[in-house]
Each structure stands twice: as C-alpha cells, then as structure tokens.
C-alpha cells in the first residue's frame, strides 16, 4: 500500500516520503480501515511515540496521522460492534502506524459509526479537536451553565470547537487569539474576544475556567484569572503556576466512542462547525507538514474518494 512514512528523526518534516509499505496486520479486536481521509497534528513529529513503541523500541519507518475516516475492510479476531463495509471514524493508537496511508489497523473501540451524510473529510478533522475540547471543558473543568470560560487559541482546531460547545452549554465565552481571528471567534459563539498581541490578558477579569492550548507565558499568567474553586486546564504543558484557590490540570486526549458518536451527530445536525482550511491528496501530505506554514482551519488529507 501507499503511505507517508518517516525514518529520520533529525530530518523532521523533510524526511517524510510517499512510499510502499506492507498491508497492515489486524490484531485481536482490531479492524483494518480503507482510509478515505486523514487528519494529523503538526507537532506529532516531535512526539516520542512517533519514533518508538510502548517498550521504547525503534518503530521506524512510521506513518504519522492519528485521525481517520474510512470504511471497514477487515475484522480482526474477536472484533465485535463493527461490520465490513461500515463507514467509521476515530483515533488511531499513538504508538502504531497512523492514518496517512491507504490502509490502517485500529482498535475497534477507538472508532465510531459515521452517518452516511457526513463527509469523510469533515469527520477526519473532528476526533482529536472534538474530543480534546469536550474532555477539557466538561470532563476535567466541569464547565456548567452560567459560568465564564476563557478559551485561548479560540480560532484553532481545538479552540474553535471548544467555543461552540461552551456556548451551547450556556456558558459565557471569552476567546483569545490574534486580531485576524476576532470575527471568526465571535461568529462561532464567543461573547467577547481578546487580542493577545494588543489587549491586556488581565482585562478578561475573573473566570471559572481557563482552557489553554498555547502554554508558556500565557498559561502562567492565566492562573491568576481563575476565581476561587475554578479550574485551569491545558493541553500544552504541565502548568508551573497554579490558581491560588483552584485546580490546574494537564491532560492528553483519550478515545471515546460514545462521545465521537455525539460529536458526529452535532456535525450532522449543523450544531457544530469544523473549520477545514485545505484538503490535499496523499502524495502532497509531506508538504502540509512544512515548518512555518500556516493555513486557517484544519488541513485534511484525502486518501480515497467516497
């Protein structure tokens, strides 16, 4: 099969090549997916799991991409709950070959059914951003109706979905980002916007929840904005500054079939908008990883036509 593979850690994105790799093996409780569309995170070439397996052994050549939408081509031994020919989407394992390939082996529990009227390209942009936004806001920060949440990077993949989910939950939403993102963030449902380049972060006032995707100085300064009993939650790095009378949580997204099913239904109903910036073929996937390249919205790789 054709796949995008990386072999040399020092070469970074420059080492990504379109190559031939063996068809994947379906382990127990796996499915083999024929990939229709794949999503990825630009920073994943820096993740240790891209280069080594759970035992710390080199696993190159490895295939990046951990978001997938496709059709079940084969069931592994003992696999239940899915059928051959079914449209599904979800997350691939961090320490196994990913979705930038014509076929990928995935644990069945990491996948959810995809409605027939939801495009694969939209579904491939949803798993990491959608699950991260939900888990950060509701599982970890316990956001409820009437509370105020400050969402950093509110026009990005995770932030844009977090704004929509928080707004629908009845929270007051303050989004941050660069000035060019103001109208986008307000259109998604934010009640106010702070330009991180020209506005004072402290003007946000006291909030119940800070959802951070940026890290660094922004994360440190945000701790002082959390009111008593509130929560600072981040996916960027473990926080070094904690709210005086609140919680600080760093987390990594986890697969969740039930939540994926809910997110797909929201997408289908028009209650959720996934911002896609570009759709490129598999042969051009390496170009999309190029450093310094910025496209508004998520980039998605189309591997096969519907």
Protein backbone atom coordinates (compact mmCIF):
# COMPACT_ATOMS: atom_id res chain seq x y z
CA UNK A 1 0.00 0.00 0.00
CA UNK A 2 1.00 3.64 -0.40
CA UNK A 3 1.76 5.58 2.76
CA UNK A 4 3.55 8.65 4.04
CA UNK A 5 6.45 7.41 6.17
CA UNK A 6 9.23 8.95 8.23
CA UNK A 7 12.54 7.30 9.06
CA UNK A 8 14.98 10.01 10.20
CA UNK A 9 14.08 11.95 13.33
CA UNK A 10 16.67 14.64 12.64
CA UNK A 11 15.20 15.32 9.20
CA UNK A 12 11.81 16.26 10.71
CA UNK A 13 9.23 17.12 8.04
CA UNK A 14 11.92 16.96 5.38
CA UNK A 15 12.15 13.22 5.97
CA UNK A 16 8.51 12.48 5.10
CA UNK A 17 8.19 10.48 1.90
CA UNK A 18 5.45 8.73 -0.07
CA UNK A 19 6.47 5.08 -0.11
CA UNK A 20 5.24 1.49 -0.35
CA UNK A 21 4.67 -0.30 2.95
CA UNK A 22 3.20 -3.73 3.77
CA UNK A 23 -0.56 -4.04 4.22
CA UNK A 24 -1.26 -3.83 7.98
CA UNK A 25 -1.99 -6.82 10.20
CA UNK A 26 -5.28 -6.93 12.12
CA UNK A 27 -4.53 -7.93 15.70
CA UNK A 28 -7.20 -9.15 18.11
CA UNK A 29 -10.04 -6.61 18.44
CA UNK A 30 -8.64 -4.57 15.52
CA UNK A 31 -10.20 -3.52 12.28
CA UNK A 32 -8.44 -2.69 9.04
CA UNK A 33 -9.76 0.53 7.56
CA UNK A 34 -9.58 1.61 3.97
CA UNK A 35 -8.69 5.23 4.64
CA UNK A 36 -10.75 7.87 2.87
CA UNK A 37 -9.48 10.91 4.77
CA UNK A 38 -6.85 11.53 7.42
CA UNK A 39 -6.15 14.28 9.91
CA UNK A 40 -2.90 14.98 11.72
CA UNK A 41 -1.24 17.30 14.23
CA UNK A 42 1.73 19.32 13.00
CA UNK A 43 3.71 18.70 16.18
CA UNK A 44 3.47 14.92 16.12
CA UNK A 45 6.91 14.51 14.53
CA UNK A 46 8.22 15.71 17.90
CA UNK A 47 6.26 13.12 19.89
CA UNK A 48 8.34 10.20 21.25
CA UNK A 49 5.55 7.78 20.26
CA UNK A 50 6.11 8.64 16.60
CA UNK A 51 9.53 7.02 16.83
CA UNK A 52 9.28 4.27 19.43
CA UNK A 53 6.71 1.71 20.54
CA UNK A 54 5.41 1.24 24.09
CA UNK A 55 8.54 -0.71 25.01
CA UNK A 56 10.81 2.07 23.79
CA UNK A 57 11.96 0.19 20.67
CA UNK A 58 12.52 1.97 17.39
CA UNK A 59 9.49 1.55 15.16
CA UNK A 60 10.55 3.40 12.02
CA UNK A 61 9.54 3.64 9.26
CA UNK A 62 6.47 5.03 10.98
CA UNK A 63 3.32 6.50 9.48
CA UNK A 64 2.02 9.75 11.05
CA UNK A 65 -1.60 10.80 11.39
CA UNK A 66 -3.91 9.84 14.25
CA UNK A 67 -7.31 10.93 12.94
CA UNK A 68 -9.05 8.75 10.39
CA UNK A 69 -12.28 8.37 8.50
CA UNK A 70 -12.89 5.44 6.22
CA UNK A 71 -14.59 2.12 5.61
CA UNK A 72 -14.01 -1.15 7.47
CA UNK A 73 -12.19 -3.54 5.14
CA UNK A 74 -11.40 -6.38 7.53
CA UNK A 75 -12.14 -7.50 11.10
CA UNK A 76 -9.50 -8.90 13.43
CA UNK A 77 -10.11 -11.95 15.60
CA UNK A 78 -12.71 -11.27 18.29
CA UNK A 79 -13.72 -7.88 16.93
CA UNK A 80 -17.36 -7.00 17.60
CA UNK A 81 -19.56 -3.95 17.20
CA UNK A 82 -18.46 -3.07 13.66
CA UNK A 83 -19.00 -4.71 10.28
CA UNK A 84 -17.11 -4.92 6.99
CA UNK A 85 -18.19 -2.10 4.69
CA UNK A 86 -19.25 0.19 7.55
CA UNK A 87 -18.29 3.88 7.49
CA UNK A 88 -16.42 4.83 10.68
CA UNK A 89 -14.10 7.50 12.06
CA UNK A 90 -11.93 7.95 15.13
CA UNK A 91 -8.43 7.86 16.59
CA UNK A 92 -5.50 5.59 15.81
CA UNK A 93 -3.11 4.49 18.53
CA UNK A 94 -0.26 6.92 19.32
CA UNK A 95 2.41 4.18 19.15
CA UNK A 96 1.25 2.41 15.98
CA UNK A 97 1.26 3.40 12.34
CA UNK A 98 -1.28 6.09 11.63
CA UNK A 99 -3.74 7.26 9.04
CA UNK A 100 -1.59 8.80 6.30
CA UNK A 101 -1.84 5.57 4.35
CA UNK A 102 -4.26 3.68 2.15
CA UNK A 103 -4.99 1.22 4.98
CA UNK A 104 -4.54 1.34 8.76
CA UNK A 105 -5.09 -1.08 11.65
CA UNK A 106 -7.10 0.45 14.50
CA UNK A 107 -8.57 -0.87 17.73
CA UNK A 108 -12.31 -1.15 17.14
CA UNK A 109 -13.12 0.60 20.43
CA UNK A 110 -11.40 3.76 19.16
CA UNK A 111 -13.85 4.11 16.27
CA UNK A 112 -17.44 5.29 15.98
CA UNK A 113 -20.03 4.87 13.20
CA UNK A 114 -20.09 7.71 10.69
CA UNK A 115 -23.50 8.79 9.35
CA UNK A 116 -23.89 8.43 5.58
CA UNK A 117 -24.46 12.16 5.11
CA UNK A 118 -21.27 13.30 6.88
CA UNK A 119 -18.28 13.65 4.57
CA UNK A 120 -15.09 11.76 5.35
CA UNK A 121 -13.06 14.99 5.09
CA UNK A 122 -15.14 16.62 7.83
CA UNK A 123 -15.03 13.52 10.02
CA UNK A 124 -11.24 13.24 9.75
CA UNK A 125 -10.84 16.75 11.19
CA UNK A 126 -13.03 16.03 14.22
CA UNK A 127 -11.61 13.31 16.54
CA UNK A 128 -8.66 14.99 18.27
CA UNK A 129 -10.08 18.52 18.28
CA UNK A 130 -13.59 17.45 19.23
CA UNK A 131 -12.64 15.01 21.97
CA UNK A 132 -9.99 17.37 23.38
CA UNK A 133 -12.46 20.25 23.54
CA UNK A 134 -15.15 18.13 25.21
CA UNK A 135 -12.86 16.42 27.70
CA UNK A 136 -11.14 19.69 28.64
CA UNK A 137 -14.35 21.64 29.18
CA UNK A 138 -16.64 19.08 30.74
CA UNK A 139 -14.71 16.04 31.97
CA UNK A 140 -11.83 17.98 33.53
CA UNK A 141 -13.04 21.56 34.09
CA UNK A 142 -16.68 20.58 34.79
CA UNK A 143 -17.99 23.65 33.00
CA UNK A 144 -21.68 24.34 33.65
CA UNK A 145 -24.39 26.73 32.51
CA UNK A 146 -23.85 30.32 33.67
CA UNK A 147 -20.11 30.01 34.24
CA UNK A 148 -17.48 32.02 32.36
CA UNK A 149 -14.75 30.30 30.35
CA UNK A 150 -11.66 31.86 28.79
CA UNK A 151 -10.52 29.85 25.74
CA UNK A 152 -7.04 30.53 24.37
CA UNK A 153 -6.41 29.93 20.68
CA UNK A 154 -10.14 30.16 20.07
CA UNK A 155 -9.90 30.09 16.27
CA UNK A 156 -7.73 26.96 16.16
CA UNK A 157 -8.78 23.35 15.73
CA UNK A 158 -9.43 22.65 19.41
CA UNK A 159 -10.35 26.20 20.41
CA UNK A 160 -12.97 26.71 17.71
CA UNK A 161 -14.85 23.57 18.77
CA UNK A 162 -14.47 24.45 22.46
CA UNK A 163 -16.07 27.86 21.80
CA UNK A 164 -19.08 26.22 20.15
CA UNK A 165 -19.53 23.55 22.82
CA UNK A 166 -19.20 26.04 25.68
CA UNK A 167 -21.65 28.43 24.04
CA UNK A 168 -24.20 25.67 23.53
CA UNK A 169 -23.78 24.63 27.17
CA UNK A 170 -24.89 28.10 28.27
CA UNK A 171 -21.52 29.43 29.41
CA UNK A 172 -20.21 32.95 28.83
CA UNK A 173 -17.28 32.52 26.43
CA UNK A 174 -14.24 34.78 26.09
CA UNK A 175 -11.97 33.79 23.21
CA UNK A 176 -8.37 34.85 22.62
CA UNK A 177 -6.13 34.87 19.59
CA UNK A 178 -4.64 37.19 17.01
CA UNK A 179 -6.60 40.17 15.74
CA UNK A 180 -7.42 38.47 12.41
CA UNK A 181 -9.34 35.78 14.30
CA UNK A 182 -11.74 38.18 16.04
CA UNK A 183 -14.72 37.88 13.66
CA UNK A 184 -14.33 34.12 13.33
CA UNK A 185 -14.34 33.60 17.09
CA UNK A 186 -17.31 35.88 17.66
CA UNK A 187 -19.23 34.18 14.85
CA UNK A 188 -18.61 30.78 16.49
CA UNK A 189 -20.39 31.97 19.61
CA UNK A 190 -17.88 33.80 21.82
CA UNK A 191 -19.33 36.73 23.76
CA UNK A 192 -16.03 38.63 23.81
CA UNK A 193 -12.59 38.46 22.20
CA UNK A 194 -9.13 39.42 23.47
CA UNK A 195 -6.30 40.11 21.03
CA UNK A 196 -3.23 38.55 22.65
CA UNK A 197 -0.98 40.93 20.71
CA UNK A 198 -2.62 44.20 21.74
CA UNK A 199 -5.11 43.66 24.59
CA UNK A 200 -4.28 43.03 28.24
CA UNK A 201 -4.99 39.43 29.19
CA UNK A 202 -5.94 40.63 32.64
CA UNK A 203 -8.88 42.55 31.13
CA UNK A 204 -10.69 39.22 30.89
CA UNK A 205 -11.37 39.51 34.59
CA UNK A 206 -12.07 36.55 36.85
CA UNK A 207 -13.32 33.40 35.15
CA UNK A 208 -14.47 29.97 36.27
CA UNK A 209 -12.46 28.06 33.66
CA UNK A 210 -9.40 28.75 31.55
CA UNK A 211 -8.89 26.35 28.63
CA UNK A 212 -5.35 26.73 27.32
CA UNK A 213 -3.77 25.32 24.15
CA UNK A 214 -0.80 27.73 24.00
CA UNK A 215 1.34 27.22 27.09
CA UNK A 216 4.29 29.37 28.13
CA UNK A 217 3.73 32.86 29.49
CA UNK A 218 0.05 32.87 28.50
CA UNK A 219 -0.54 29.75 30.58
CA UNK A 220 1.37 31.15 33.56
CA UNK A 221 -0.48 34.49 33.54
CA UNK A 222 -3.85 32.78 33.15
CA UNK A 223 -3.61 31.14 36.58
CA UNK A 224 -4.31 34.47 38.29
CA UNK A 225 -7.57 34.84 36.34
CA UNK A 226 -9.16 31.71 37.81
CA UNK A 227 -11.58 32.57 40.60
CA UNK A 228 -11.84 30.53 43.80
CA UNK A 229 -12.93 26.98 43.07
CA UNK A 230 -12.26 27.34 39.33
CA UNK A 231 -10.08 25.30 37.00
CA UNK A 232 -7.14 25.95 34.71
CA UNK A 233 -6.95 23.15 32.13
CA UNK A 234 -4.26 22.88 29.48
CA UNK A 235 -3.09 20.53 26.73
CA UNK A 236 0.15 22.46 26.09
CA UNK A 237 2.36 21.51 29.05
CA UNK A 238 2.12 20.72 32.76
CA UNK A 239 1.35 24.08 34.43
CA UNK A 240 4.10 25.62 36.55
CA UNK A 241 1.80 28.26 38.06
CA UNK A 242 -1.43 27.17 39.72
CA UNK A 243 -4.57 29.13 40.65
CA UNK A 244 -4.38 30.21 44.29
CA UNK A 245 -7.64 28.53 45.25
CA UNK A 246 -8.41 26.39 42.24
CA UNK A 247 -7.28 23.39 40.25
CA UNK A 248 -4.69 23.10 37.47
CA UNK A 249 -4.96 20.14 35.08
CA UNK A 250 -2.81 18.97 32.18
CA UNK A 251 -4.26 16.16 30.09
CA UNK A 252 -3.86 14.17 26.88
CA UNK A 253 -6.95 13.33 24.86
CA UNK A 254 -8.36 9.80 25.14
CA UNK A 255 -10.52 7.81 22.69
CA UNK A 256 -14.24 7.77 23.45
CA UNK A 257 -16.66 6.05 21.05
CA UNK A 258 -19.77 7.42 22.75
CA UNK A 259 -18.54 11.00 22.60
CA UNK A 260 -17.40 10.62 18.98
CA UNK A 261 -20.91 9.45 18.11
CA UNK A 262 -22.36 12.52 19.80
CA UNK A 263 -19.95 14.87 18.02
CA UNK A 264 -20.79 13.33 14.65
CA UNK A 265 -24.49 13.88 15.34
CA UNK A 266 -23.82 17.52 16.22
CA UNK A 267 -21.92 17.90 12.95
CA UNK A 268 -24.76 16.25 11.05
CA UNK A 269 -27.38 18.49 12.70
CA UNK A 270 -25.46 21.67 11.92
CA UNK A 271 -24.84 22.36 15.63
CA UNK A 272 -21.08 22.05 15.17
CA UNK A 273 -18.83 23.58 12.53
CA UNK A 274 -15.44 22.03 11.79
CA UNK A 275 -13.20 24.61 10.14
CA UNK A 276 -11.29 22.95 7.28
CA UNK A 277 -8.62 25.06 5.64
CA UNK A 278 -7.50 22.79 2.83
CA UNK A 279 -7.86 19.27 1.50
CA UNK A 280 -4.78 17.76 -0.16
CA UNK A 281 -4.09 14.34 -1.73
CA UNK A 282 -1.88 11.77 -0.02
CA UNK A 283 1.00 12.47 -2.39
CA UNK A 284 1.15 16.06 -1.09
CA UNK A 285 0.86 15.25 2.62
CA UNK A 286 4.55 15.87 3.29
CA UNK A 287 4.20 19.46 2.03
CA UNK A 288 1.48 20.17 4.59
CA UNK A 289 3.92 19.44 7.45
CA UNK A 290 6.36 22.10 6.22
CA UNK A 291 7.56 24.31 9.12
CA UNK A 292 6.28 27.87 9.22
CA UNK A 293 3.32 27.04 7.00
CA UNK A 294 0.02 28.40 8.31
CA UNK A 295 -3.43 27.79 6.84
CA UNK A 296 -6.56 28.91 8.73
CA UNK A 297 -8.59 25.84 9.70
CA UNK A 298 -7.63 22.19 9.76
CA UNK A 299 -5.70 20.60 6.91
CA UNK A 300 -7.08 17.22 5.84
CA UNK A 301 -5.53 14.60 3.56
CA UNK A 302 -7.89 12.89 1.12
CA UNK A 303 -6.63 9.34 0.57
CA UNK A 304 -9.51 7.78 -1.39
CA UNK A 305 -12.69 9.06 -2.96
CA UNK A 306 -16.10 8.21 -1.49
